[in-house]
N, C-alpha and C. Protein backbone atom coordinates (compact mmCIF):
# COMPACT_ATOMS: atom_id res chain seq x y z
N MET A 1 151.95 -22.51 136.35
CA MET A 1 152.96 -22.25 135.34
C MET A 1 152.95 -20.77 134.97
N LYS A 2 151.76 -20.20 134.80
CA LYS A 2 151.65 -18.85 134.34
C LYS A 2 152.07 -17.94 135.42
N HIS A 3 151.78 -18.31 136.73
CA HIS A 3 152.20 -17.49 137.85
C HIS A 3 153.75 -17.44 138.01
N GLY A 4 154.32 -18.74 137.75
CA GLY A 4 155.79 -18.80 137.84
C GLY A 4 156.50 -18.02 136.73
N ALA A 5 155.87 -18.06 135.50
CA ALA A 5 156.48 -17.23 134.39
C ALA A 5 156.31 -15.81 134.66
N LEU A 6 155.23 -15.37 135.31
CA LEU A 6 155.05 -13.92 135.66
C LEU A 6 156.10 -13.43 136.65
N VAL A 7 156.32 -14.28 137.68
CA VAL A 7 157.36 -13.98 138.62
C VAL A 7 158.65 -13.77 137.99
N VAL A 8 159.07 -14.78 137.16
CA VAL A 8 160.41 -14.65 136.47
C VAL A 8 160.44 -13.44 135.62
N THR A 9 159.43 -13.16 134.83
CA THR A 9 159.36 -11.93 134.06
C THR A 9 159.56 -10.68 134.86
N PHE A 10 158.80 -10.68 136.02
CA PHE A 10 158.94 -9.46 136.82
C PHE A 10 160.35 -9.25 137.36
N PHE A 11 160.95 -10.44 137.79
CA PHE A 11 162.24 -10.42 138.33
C PHE A 11 163.23 -9.83 137.26
N LEU A 12 163.21 -10.37 136.05
CA LEU A 12 164.11 -9.90 135.02
C LEU A 12 163.80 -8.38 134.64
N PHE A 13 162.57 -8.00 134.78
CA PHE A 13 162.33 -6.60 134.48
C PHE A 13 163.02 -5.71 135.62
N LEU A 14 162.84 -6.20 136.87
CA LEU A 14 163.51 -5.45 137.96
C LEU A 14 164.98 -5.32 137.88
N VAL A 15 165.67 -6.50 137.49
CA VAL A 15 167.01 -6.53 137.27
C VAL A 15 167.41 -5.57 136.21
N LEU A 16 166.71 -5.54 135.15
CA LEU A 16 166.92 -4.63 133.96
C LEU A 16 166.64 -3.14 134.37
N ALA A 17 165.71 -2.91 135.19
CA ALA A 17 165.47 -1.46 135.65
C ALA A 17 166.52 -1.03 136.52
N LEU A 18 167.06 -1.88 137.52
CA LEU A 18 168.20 -1.49 138.38
C LEU A 18 169.39 -1.16 137.57
N SER A 19 169.66 -2.04 136.56
CA SER A 19 170.85 -1.74 135.73
C SER A 19 170.72 -0.47 134.90
N VAL A 20 169.51 -0.15 134.39
CA VAL A 20 169.29 1.00 133.68
C VAL A 20 169.59 2.31 134.50
N THR A 21 169.05 2.21 135.73
CA THR A 21 169.08 3.47 136.65
C THR A 21 170.51 3.69 137.17
N GLY A 22 171.32 2.69 137.04
CA GLY A 22 172.77 2.75 137.49
C GLY A 22 172.93 2.46 138.88
N CYS A 23 171.97 1.82 139.62
CA CYS A 23 172.07 1.55 141.04
C CYS A 23 173.24 0.49 141.33
N ASP A 24 173.54 -0.34 140.33
CA ASP A 24 174.61 -1.36 140.60
C ASP A 24 175.87 -1.04 139.85
N ASP A 25 175.83 -0.08 138.97
CA ASP A 25 177.05 0.21 138.13
C ASP A 25 177.70 1.44 138.71
N GLN A 26 178.80 1.19 139.41
CA GLN A 26 179.57 2.24 140.08
C GLN A 26 180.44 3.11 139.11
N LYS A 27 180.52 2.61 137.84
CA LYS A 27 181.29 3.35 136.91
C LYS A 27 180.51 4.32 135.91
N ALA A 28 179.19 3.98 135.83
CA ALA A 28 178.38 4.66 134.89
C ALA A 28 178.17 6.13 135.30
N PRO A 29 178.26 7.07 134.36
CA PRO A 29 178.05 8.43 134.66
C PRO A 29 176.57 8.78 135.07
N ARG A 30 176.40 9.44 136.33
CA ARG A 30 175.10 9.79 136.71
C ARG A 30 174.68 11.08 136.15
N SER A 31 175.62 11.86 135.48
CA SER A 31 175.43 13.17 135.06
C SER A 31 174.98 13.32 133.65
N ARG A 32 174.08 14.34 133.39
CA ARG A 32 173.81 14.66 131.96
C ARG A 32 173.99 16.22 131.81
N LEU A 33 174.95 16.60 131.17
CA LEU A 33 175.35 18.04 131.10
C LEU A 33 174.71 18.66 129.93
N LEU A 34 174.11 19.85 130.26
CA LEU A 34 173.33 20.62 129.25
C LEU A 34 173.81 22.04 129.21
N VAL A 35 173.89 22.56 127.91
CA VAL A 35 174.03 24.06 127.78
C VAL A 35 172.60 24.67 127.79
N VAL A 36 172.33 25.42 128.81
CA VAL A 36 170.98 25.97 128.87
C VAL A 36 170.82 27.46 128.45
N ARG A 37 172.02 28.08 128.17
CA ARG A 37 171.90 29.51 127.78
C ARG A 37 173.15 29.80 127.13
N ILE A 38 173.10 30.74 125.98
CA ILE A 38 174.23 31.21 125.34
C ILE A 38 173.99 32.78 125.26
N ALA A 39 174.94 33.53 125.64
CA ALA A 39 174.77 34.97 125.76
C ALA A 39 176.04 35.76 125.48
N GLU A 40 175.88 37.00 125.21
CA GLU A 40 177.04 37.88 124.99
C GLU A 40 177.66 38.33 126.28
N SER A 41 176.97 38.19 127.40
CA SER A 41 177.49 38.51 128.78
C SER A 41 176.98 37.58 129.81
N ASP A 42 177.47 37.64 131.06
CA ASP A 42 176.94 36.80 132.10
C ASP A 42 175.75 37.31 132.84
N VAL A 43 175.18 38.41 132.33
CA VAL A 43 174.05 39.04 132.85
C VAL A 43 172.81 38.30 132.31
N GLU A 44 171.88 37.87 133.22
CA GLU A 44 170.73 37.03 132.89
C GLU A 44 169.94 37.63 131.78
N GLU A 45 169.70 38.99 131.92
CA GLU A 45 168.72 39.61 130.99
C GLU A 45 169.41 39.75 129.54
N ASP A 46 170.74 39.71 129.44
CA ASP A 46 171.39 39.99 128.23
C ASP A 46 171.54 38.72 127.46
N THR A 47 170.54 38.29 126.72
CA THR A 47 170.57 37.04 126.01
C THR A 47 170.12 37.25 124.58
N TYR A 48 170.74 36.54 123.68
CA TYR A 48 170.35 36.71 122.32
C TYR A 48 169.91 35.26 121.77
N SER A 49 169.23 35.23 120.67
CA SER A 49 168.58 34.05 120.18
C SER A 49 169.53 33.21 119.35
N TYR A 50 170.64 32.87 119.83
CA TYR A 50 171.47 31.91 119.20
C TYR A 50 172.06 32.39 117.82
N VAL A 51 172.06 33.70 117.58
CA VAL A 51 172.70 34.28 116.45
C VAL A 51 173.84 35.28 116.88
N TYR A 52 175.01 35.07 116.57
CA TYR A 52 176.05 36.00 117.04
C TYR A 52 176.53 36.87 115.77
N LEU A 53 176.49 38.10 115.93
CA LEU A 53 176.92 39.07 114.82
C LEU A 53 178.45 39.30 115.03
N SER A 54 179.23 38.67 114.08
CA SER A 54 180.70 38.60 114.17
C SER A 54 181.25 39.72 113.24
N ASP A 55 182.02 40.65 113.74
CA ASP A 55 182.46 41.80 112.96
C ASP A 55 183.86 41.32 112.38
N VAL A 56 184.07 41.17 111.12
CA VAL A 56 185.31 40.72 110.57
C VAL A 56 186.43 41.79 110.48
N ALA A 57 186.12 43.05 110.58
CA ALA A 57 187.09 44.06 110.58
C ALA A 57 186.73 45.28 111.33
N ASN A 58 187.64 45.91 111.95
CA ASN A 58 187.45 47.25 112.64
C ASN A 58 188.25 48.30 111.95
N ALA A 59 187.56 49.39 111.52
CA ALA A 59 188.31 50.41 110.72
C ALA A 59 189.20 51.28 111.62
N GLY A 60 189.23 51.04 112.92
CA GLY A 60 190.19 51.77 113.77
C GLY A 60 189.69 53.22 114.12
N ALA A 61 190.59 53.96 114.70
CA ALA A 61 190.20 55.31 115.18
C ALA A 61 189.90 56.29 114.07
N ASP A 62 190.51 56.09 112.93
CA ASP A 62 190.18 57.02 111.82
C ASP A 62 188.88 56.71 111.02
N GLY A 63 188.30 55.51 111.42
CA GLY A 63 187.01 55.10 110.72
C GLY A 63 187.17 54.78 109.23
N ILE A 64 188.47 54.72 108.76
CA ILE A 64 188.60 54.39 107.26
C ILE A 64 189.11 53.01 107.11
N PRO A 65 188.34 52.14 106.45
CA PRO A 65 188.81 50.80 106.15
C PRO A 65 190.08 50.78 105.33
N GLY A 66 190.92 49.77 105.53
CA GLY A 66 192.14 49.62 104.66
C GLY A 66 193.33 50.46 105.05
N THR A 67 193.24 51.05 106.20
CA THR A 67 194.44 51.83 106.78
C THR A 67 195.18 51.16 107.86
N GLU A 68 196.26 51.65 108.25
CA GLU A 68 197.21 50.92 109.21
C GLU A 68 196.54 50.66 110.49
N ASP A 69 195.53 51.48 110.99
CA ASP A 69 195.02 51.19 112.34
C ASP A 69 193.85 50.23 112.26
N ASP A 70 193.54 49.64 111.06
CA ASP A 70 192.60 48.55 111.12
C ASP A 70 192.90 47.37 112.08
N SER A 71 192.01 46.71 112.55
CA SER A 71 192.21 45.64 113.44
C SER A 71 191.05 44.55 113.47
N VAL A 72 191.29 43.49 114.02
CA VAL A 72 190.35 42.41 114.15
C VAL A 72 190.26 41.95 115.62
N VAL A 73 189.13 41.59 116.07
CA VAL A 73 188.96 41.18 117.50
C VAL A 73 188.33 39.84 117.55
N GLU A 74 188.81 38.99 118.41
CA GLU A 74 188.21 37.75 118.60
C GLU A 74 186.78 37.89 119.26
N ASP A 75 186.04 36.90 118.99
CA ASP A 75 184.59 36.88 119.52
C ASP A 75 184.57 35.99 120.69
N GLU A 76 183.87 36.35 121.73
CA GLU A 76 183.73 35.52 122.93
C GLU A 76 182.16 35.41 123.29
N THR A 77 181.86 34.30 123.89
CA THR A 77 180.47 34.10 124.28
C THR A 77 180.41 33.38 125.70
N TYR A 78 179.28 33.57 126.38
CA TYR A 78 179.12 32.99 127.66
C TYR A 78 178.18 31.74 127.49
N LEU A 79 178.58 30.73 128.09
CA LEU A 79 177.75 29.48 128.16
C LEU A 79 177.29 29.28 129.59
N THR A 80 175.96 29.03 129.85
CA THR A 80 175.52 28.64 131.09
C THR A 80 175.15 27.19 131.10
N LEU A 81 175.86 26.46 131.99
CA LEU A 81 175.71 24.89 131.94
C LEU A 81 174.94 24.33 133.23
N GLU A 82 174.25 23.33 133.03
CA GLU A 82 173.48 22.69 134.12
C GLU A 82 173.78 21.19 134.08
N ASN A 83 174.07 20.62 135.23
CA ASN A 83 174.34 19.18 135.39
C ASN A 83 173.03 18.58 136.02
N GLN A 84 172.39 17.70 135.25
CA GLN A 84 171.16 17.03 135.75
C GLN A 84 171.39 15.59 135.93
N PRO A 85 170.72 14.98 136.76
CA PRO A 85 170.77 13.49 136.96
C PRO A 85 170.28 12.76 135.61
N ARG A 86 171.13 11.92 135.22
CA ARG A 86 170.71 11.19 133.94
C ARG A 86 169.41 10.48 134.14
N ASN A 87 169.10 10.03 135.34
CA ASN A 87 167.83 9.27 135.60
C ASN A 87 167.21 9.99 136.83
N SER A 88 165.92 10.40 136.64
CA SER A 88 165.22 11.14 137.71
C SER A 88 165.06 10.28 138.89
N VAL A 89 165.12 9.03 138.92
CA VAL A 89 165.01 8.23 140.04
C VAL A 89 166.16 8.32 140.97
N LEU A 90 167.25 8.64 140.53
CA LEU A 90 168.50 8.79 141.29
C LEU A 90 168.41 10.02 142.10
N ALA A 91 168.57 9.81 143.53
CA ALA A 91 168.71 11.03 144.34
C ALA A 91 170.21 11.24 144.66
N ILE A 92 170.76 12.36 144.13
CA ILE A 92 172.19 12.56 144.22
C ILE A 92 172.37 13.85 144.89
N ASP A 93 173.31 13.83 145.91
CA ASP A 93 173.70 15.00 146.64
C ASP A 93 174.55 15.89 145.74
N PRO A 94 174.27 17.13 145.38
CA PRO A 94 174.97 17.94 144.56
C PRO A 94 176.46 18.11 144.89
N LEU A 95 176.69 18.05 146.25
CA LEU A 95 178.07 18.16 146.75
C LEU A 95 178.71 16.87 147.12
N GLY A 96 177.97 15.76 146.81
CA GLY A 96 178.42 14.43 147.13
C GLY A 96 179.35 13.91 146.13
N PRO A 97 179.65 12.60 146.25
CA PRO A 97 180.77 11.96 145.34
C PRO A 97 180.36 11.87 143.92
N TYR A 98 179.03 11.89 143.63
CA TYR A 98 178.58 11.68 142.24
C TYR A 98 177.95 13.00 141.78
N GLY A 99 178.18 14.10 142.33
CA GLY A 99 177.42 15.26 142.02
C GLY A 99 178.18 16.26 141.22
N ALA A 100 179.34 16.00 140.65
CA ALA A 100 179.99 16.92 139.92
C ALA A 100 180.65 16.40 138.61
N VAL A 101 180.70 17.35 137.58
CA VAL A 101 181.36 17.07 136.34
C VAL A 101 182.51 18.06 136.17
N VAL A 102 183.65 17.63 135.76
CA VAL A 102 184.84 18.41 135.51
C VAL A 102 185.09 18.57 134.03
N LEU A 103 184.98 19.80 133.47
CA LEU A 103 185.02 20.05 132.04
C LEU A 103 186.55 20.39 131.80
N THR A 104 187.16 19.69 130.81
CA THR A 104 188.59 19.94 130.49
C THR A 104 188.97 20.56 129.25
N ARG A 105 188.06 20.42 128.19
CA ARG A 105 188.24 20.94 126.86
C ARG A 105 187.01 21.42 126.24
N TYR A 106 187.12 22.31 125.23
CA TYR A 106 186.00 22.65 124.41
C TYR A 106 186.55 22.79 123.00
N ARG A 107 185.59 22.62 122.07
CA ARG A 107 185.94 22.64 120.65
C ARG A 107 184.80 23.37 119.91
N VAL A 108 185.17 24.18 118.97
CA VAL A 108 184.15 24.86 118.04
C VAL A 108 184.44 24.47 116.67
N ASP A 109 183.52 23.88 116.08
CA ASP A 109 183.61 23.50 114.55
C ASP A 109 182.50 24.28 113.89
N TYR A 110 182.94 24.83 112.65
CA TYR A 110 182.09 25.67 111.89
C TYR A 110 181.52 25.00 110.63
N LEU A 111 180.18 24.84 110.63
CA LEU A 111 179.65 24.08 109.46
C LEU A 111 179.35 25.28 108.39
N VAL A 112 180.24 25.30 107.41
CA VAL A 112 180.35 26.36 106.46
C VAL A 112 179.65 25.87 105.17
N PRO A 113 178.74 26.55 104.60
CA PRO A 113 178.13 26.14 103.27
C PRO A 113 179.18 26.16 102.17
N GLY A 114 179.12 25.31 101.25
CA GLY A 114 180.07 25.27 100.12
C GLY A 114 181.37 24.60 100.58
N SER A 115 182.45 24.95 99.91
CA SER A 115 183.77 24.33 100.09
C SER A 115 184.71 25.07 101.04
N ASP A 116 184.23 26.30 101.53
CA ASP A 116 185.07 27.11 102.38
C ASP A 116 185.27 26.42 103.74
N VAL A 117 186.38 26.76 104.33
CA VAL A 117 186.62 26.11 105.61
C VAL A 117 187.09 27.09 106.54
N ILE A 118 186.64 27.11 107.88
CA ILE A 118 187.21 27.95 108.89
C ILE A 118 187.76 26.98 109.88
N ASP A 119 189.03 27.25 110.27
CA ASP A 119 189.71 26.39 111.20
C ASP A 119 188.99 26.27 112.56
N PRO A 120 188.90 25.06 113.00
CA PRO A 120 188.19 24.86 114.35
C PRO A 120 188.92 25.36 115.55
N ILE A 121 188.35 25.61 116.68
CA ILE A 121 189.07 25.92 117.89
C ILE A 121 189.08 24.67 118.71
N ASP A 122 190.13 24.34 119.29
CA ASP A 122 190.35 23.21 120.32
C ASP A 122 191.13 23.66 121.37
N ALA A 123 190.53 23.94 122.51
CA ALA A 123 191.20 24.56 123.68
C ALA A 123 190.92 23.86 125.01
N ALA A 124 191.86 24.10 125.89
CA ALA A 124 191.67 23.56 127.24
C ALA A 124 190.85 24.53 128.02
N MET A 125 190.16 23.88 129.05
CA MET A 125 189.40 24.63 129.99
C MET A 125 189.35 23.87 131.37
N ASN A 126 188.95 24.47 132.38
CA ASN A 126 188.89 23.88 133.70
C ASN A 126 187.61 24.43 134.39
N LEU A 127 186.54 23.63 134.41
CA LEU A 127 185.32 24.17 135.07
C LEU A 127 184.66 22.89 135.75
N VAL A 128 184.17 23.13 137.02
CA VAL A 128 183.48 22.18 137.75
C VAL A 128 181.94 22.51 137.77
N VAL A 129 181.09 21.66 137.40
CA VAL A 129 179.67 21.91 137.26
C VAL A 129 178.94 20.94 138.20
N HIS A 130 178.46 21.39 139.41
CA HIS A 130 177.79 20.52 140.43
C HIS A 130 176.30 20.29 139.96
N MET A 131 175.86 19.24 140.42
CA MET A 131 174.50 18.78 139.96
C MET A 131 173.42 19.71 140.54
N GLY A 132 172.36 19.94 139.78
CA GLY A 132 171.17 20.61 140.26
C GLY A 132 170.96 21.91 139.52
N ALA A 133 169.65 22.31 139.37
CA ALA A 133 169.35 23.52 138.65
C ALA A 133 169.83 24.80 139.37
N ASN A 134 170.06 24.66 140.76
CA ASN A 134 170.55 25.84 141.56
C ASN A 134 172.01 25.96 141.51
N ASN A 135 172.68 25.05 140.80
CA ASN A 135 174.18 25.04 140.79
C ASN A 135 174.70 25.36 139.34
N ARG A 136 174.04 26.19 138.60
CA ARG A 136 174.49 26.39 137.32
C ARG A 136 175.89 27.06 137.18
N ALA A 137 176.64 26.74 136.22
CA ALA A 137 177.98 27.30 136.13
C ALA A 137 178.09 28.07 134.80
N ILE A 138 178.75 29.25 134.84
CA ILE A 138 178.88 30.05 133.65
C ILE A 138 180.33 30.09 133.21
N THR A 139 180.59 29.96 131.93
CA THR A 139 181.91 30.02 131.47
C THR A 139 182.01 30.83 130.22
N ARG A 140 183.13 31.41 130.00
CA ARG A 140 183.29 32.28 128.86
C ARG A 140 184.32 31.51 127.92
N ILE A 141 184.00 31.40 126.60
CA ILE A 141 184.82 30.74 125.66
C ILE A 141 185.07 31.67 124.45
N VAL A 142 186.12 31.41 123.68
CA VAL A 142 186.40 32.07 122.41
C VAL A 142 185.45 31.34 121.34
N LEU A 143 184.73 32.17 120.68
CA LEU A 143 183.80 31.55 119.67
C LEU A 143 184.44 31.63 118.26
N VAL A 144 185.16 32.76 117.99
CA VAL A 144 185.82 32.92 116.78
C VAL A 144 187.28 33.64 117.11
N THR A 145 188.34 33.04 116.60
CA THR A 145 189.64 33.67 116.91
C THR A 145 189.89 34.80 115.94
N ALA A 146 190.72 35.74 116.43
CA ALA A 146 191.09 36.91 115.59
C ALA A 146 191.79 36.46 114.30
N ILE A 147 192.61 35.41 114.48
CA ILE A 147 193.42 34.97 113.31
C ILE A 147 192.55 34.42 112.25
N SER A 148 191.42 33.79 112.54
CA SER A 148 190.56 33.36 111.57
C SER A 148 189.93 34.38 110.63
N LYS A 149 189.97 35.63 111.27
CA LYS A 149 189.33 36.79 110.47
C LYS A 149 190.41 37.38 109.52
N THR A 150 191.63 36.90 109.61
CA THR A 150 192.69 37.44 108.76
C THR A 150 193.04 36.60 107.46
N VAL A 151 192.18 35.43 107.39
CA VAL A 151 192.43 34.65 106.25
C VAL A 151 191.10 34.34 105.63
N PRO A 152 191.08 33.87 104.35
CA PRO A 152 189.85 33.54 103.74
C PRO A 152 189.27 32.25 104.38
N PRO A 153 187.88 32.25 104.54
CA PRO A 153 186.95 33.14 103.71
C PRO A 153 186.53 34.37 104.46
N LEU A 154 186.82 34.53 105.80
CA LEU A 154 186.41 35.66 106.55
C LEU A 154 187.18 36.99 106.15
N SER A 155 188.46 36.86 105.74
CA SER A 155 189.10 38.20 105.37
C SER A 155 188.44 38.85 104.13
N THR A 156 187.90 37.90 103.21
CA THR A 156 187.33 38.58 102.03
C THR A 156 186.06 39.33 102.34
N LEU A 157 185.40 39.23 103.51
CA LEU A 157 184.21 39.95 103.80
C LEU A 157 184.51 41.42 104.26
N ALA A 158 185.82 41.74 104.55
CA ALA A 158 186.13 43.04 104.89
C ALA A 158 185.71 44.09 103.91
N THR A 159 185.61 43.72 102.64
CA THR A 159 185.29 44.68 101.59
C THR A 159 183.90 44.48 101.17
N GLY A 160 183.12 43.64 101.80
CA GLY A 160 181.70 43.51 101.60
C GLY A 160 181.23 42.02 101.51
N GLY A 161 179.96 41.81 101.58
CA GLY A 161 179.48 40.47 101.68
C GLY A 161 179.16 39.98 103.07
N GLU A 162 178.59 38.78 103.16
CA GLU A 162 178.28 38.26 104.52
C GLU A 162 178.33 36.69 104.35
N LEU A 163 178.40 36.08 105.60
CA LEU A 163 178.47 34.67 105.56
C LEU A 163 177.82 34.16 106.90
N LEU A 164 176.84 33.25 106.68
CA LEU A 164 176.05 32.74 107.83
C LEU A 164 176.57 31.30 108.01
N VAL A 165 177.03 30.88 109.16
CA VAL A 165 177.43 29.53 109.47
C VAL A 165 176.90 29.02 110.75
N ASN A 166 176.85 27.75 110.87
CA ASN A 166 176.42 27.06 112.15
C ASN A 166 177.78 26.72 112.94
N ALA A 167 177.81 27.19 114.14
CA ALA A 167 178.92 26.75 115.01
C ALA A 167 178.50 25.67 115.97
N LYS A 168 179.23 24.52 115.96
CA LYS A 168 178.97 23.44 116.86
C LYS A 168 180.01 23.53 117.95
N ILE A 169 179.46 23.66 119.28
CA ILE A 169 180.32 23.81 120.43
C ILE A 169 180.22 22.49 121.19
N THR A 170 181.40 21.84 121.35
CA THR A 170 181.38 20.58 122.09
C THR A 170 182.24 20.83 123.37
N LEU A 171 181.67 20.49 124.53
CA LEU A 171 182.34 20.56 125.78
C LEU A 171 182.60 19.09 126.23
N THR A 172 183.76 18.75 126.62
CA THR A 172 184.16 17.51 127.15
C THR A 172 184.85 17.44 128.52
N GLY A 173 184.60 16.47 129.21
CA GLY A 173 185.24 16.27 130.62
C GLY A 173 184.88 14.91 131.14
N TYR A 174 184.88 14.82 132.44
CA TYR A 174 184.50 13.54 133.08
C TYR A 174 183.77 13.84 134.32
N GLU A 175 183.06 12.79 134.77
CA GLU A 175 182.39 12.75 136.08
C GLU A 175 183.43 12.61 137.08
N GLU A 176 183.40 13.42 138.14
CA GLU A 176 184.47 13.51 139.16
C GLU A 176 184.84 12.22 139.80
N THR A 177 183.84 11.43 140.17
CA THR A 177 184.10 10.20 140.91
C THR A 177 184.37 8.98 139.95
N SER A 178 183.41 8.75 139.00
CA SER A 178 183.58 7.56 138.17
C SER A 178 184.62 7.72 137.16
N LYS A 179 185.05 8.96 136.86
CA LYS A 179 185.90 9.25 135.77
C LYS A 179 185.39 8.98 134.27
N GLU A 180 184.13 8.64 134.21
CA GLU A 180 183.52 8.37 132.98
C GLU A 180 183.41 9.65 132.12
N ASP A 181 183.57 9.52 130.78
CA ASP A 181 183.54 10.64 129.92
C ASP A 181 182.11 11.33 129.98
N VAL A 182 182.09 12.64 129.88
CA VAL A 182 180.83 13.39 129.83
C VAL A 182 181.02 14.35 128.68
N GLU A 183 179.96 14.64 127.95
CA GLU A 183 180.02 15.51 126.88
C GLU A 183 178.66 16.33 126.71
N ALA A 184 178.82 17.62 126.25
CA ALA A 184 177.65 18.48 125.98
C ALA A 184 177.87 19.07 124.68
N VAL A 185 176.79 19.20 123.82
CA VAL A 185 176.96 19.90 122.49
C VAL A 185 175.91 20.90 122.37
N ALA A 186 176.32 22.05 121.87
CA ALA A 186 175.24 23.10 121.61
C ALA A 186 175.68 23.78 120.19
N TYR A 187 174.63 24.26 119.67
CA TYR A 187 174.84 24.93 118.29
C TYR A 187 174.28 26.39 118.30
N MET A 188 174.90 27.16 117.57
CA MET A 188 174.44 28.56 117.40
C MET A 188 174.93 29.01 116.02
N GLN A 189 174.16 30.05 115.52
CA GLN A 189 174.59 30.64 114.24
C GLN A 189 175.46 31.78 114.40
N VAL A 190 176.38 31.93 113.54
CA VAL A 190 177.37 33.05 113.57
C VAL A 190 177.22 33.80 112.30
N HIS A 191 176.92 35.11 112.26
CA HIS A 191 176.58 35.89 111.10
C HIS A 191 177.78 36.73 110.97
N PHE A 192 178.75 36.47 109.95
CA PHE A 192 179.99 37.21 109.73
C PHE A 192 179.64 38.26 108.63
N ALA A 193 180.19 39.45 108.91
CA ALA A 193 180.10 40.56 107.96
C ALA A 193 180.96 41.73 108.56
N ASN A 194 181.22 42.74 107.68
CA ASN A 194 181.99 43.85 108.12
C ASN A 194 180.95 44.87 108.66
N TRP A 195 180.48 44.55 109.91
CA TRP A 195 179.38 45.40 110.53
C TRP A 195 179.88 46.82 110.77
N THR A 196 179.00 47.76 110.78
CA THR A 196 179.21 49.15 110.97
C THR A 196 179.87 49.34 112.34
N ASP A 197 180.96 50.02 112.41
CA ASP A 197 181.71 50.18 113.70
C ASP A 197 181.10 51.35 114.44
N PRO A 198 180.92 51.13 115.84
CA PRO A 198 180.31 52.33 116.64
C PRO A 198 181.17 53.56 116.55
N ASP A 199 180.53 54.74 116.60
CA ASP A 199 181.25 55.95 116.59
C ASP A 199 182.01 56.18 117.83
């Protein structure tokens, strides 16, 4: 009796293990998408520690704030993405039918202290990320729009002060073959102020 119960238990464990690894489920995503680097450029050595210094105003050619040649510039950042197997047991060809994720949108939400609100960014994108550490993909996104810097709370910083917020970056898409939804989330800090303009 004990031996029979042991066999049944092992069989159930084997069935559960196969279902968890996705061997029998042709619709489950095999992919786990990760943001492995955030930087100001696509050069590997040029990386900062998840804090973006966002300049809310540019004094223009005359260097005098509050004049007609003042401007604002949108902020951009580079994301390096890696597509890893969701389960290490799975051997997946990076160029095979289950080896790619297609990203179609990204969203940036700002977690602002207090009651202030910065409008989120919700934009389309088109990027294919093949599986494997050697197949990293780099994309550039808008982190802060120029229009956001022309309205409160950011516009009020042109005359002084600073604001530190957390930006939540959400990338969404689908696994190329199964069409199952895939999502990756990354966070970084954005430090808003009227930083000194370069000469």
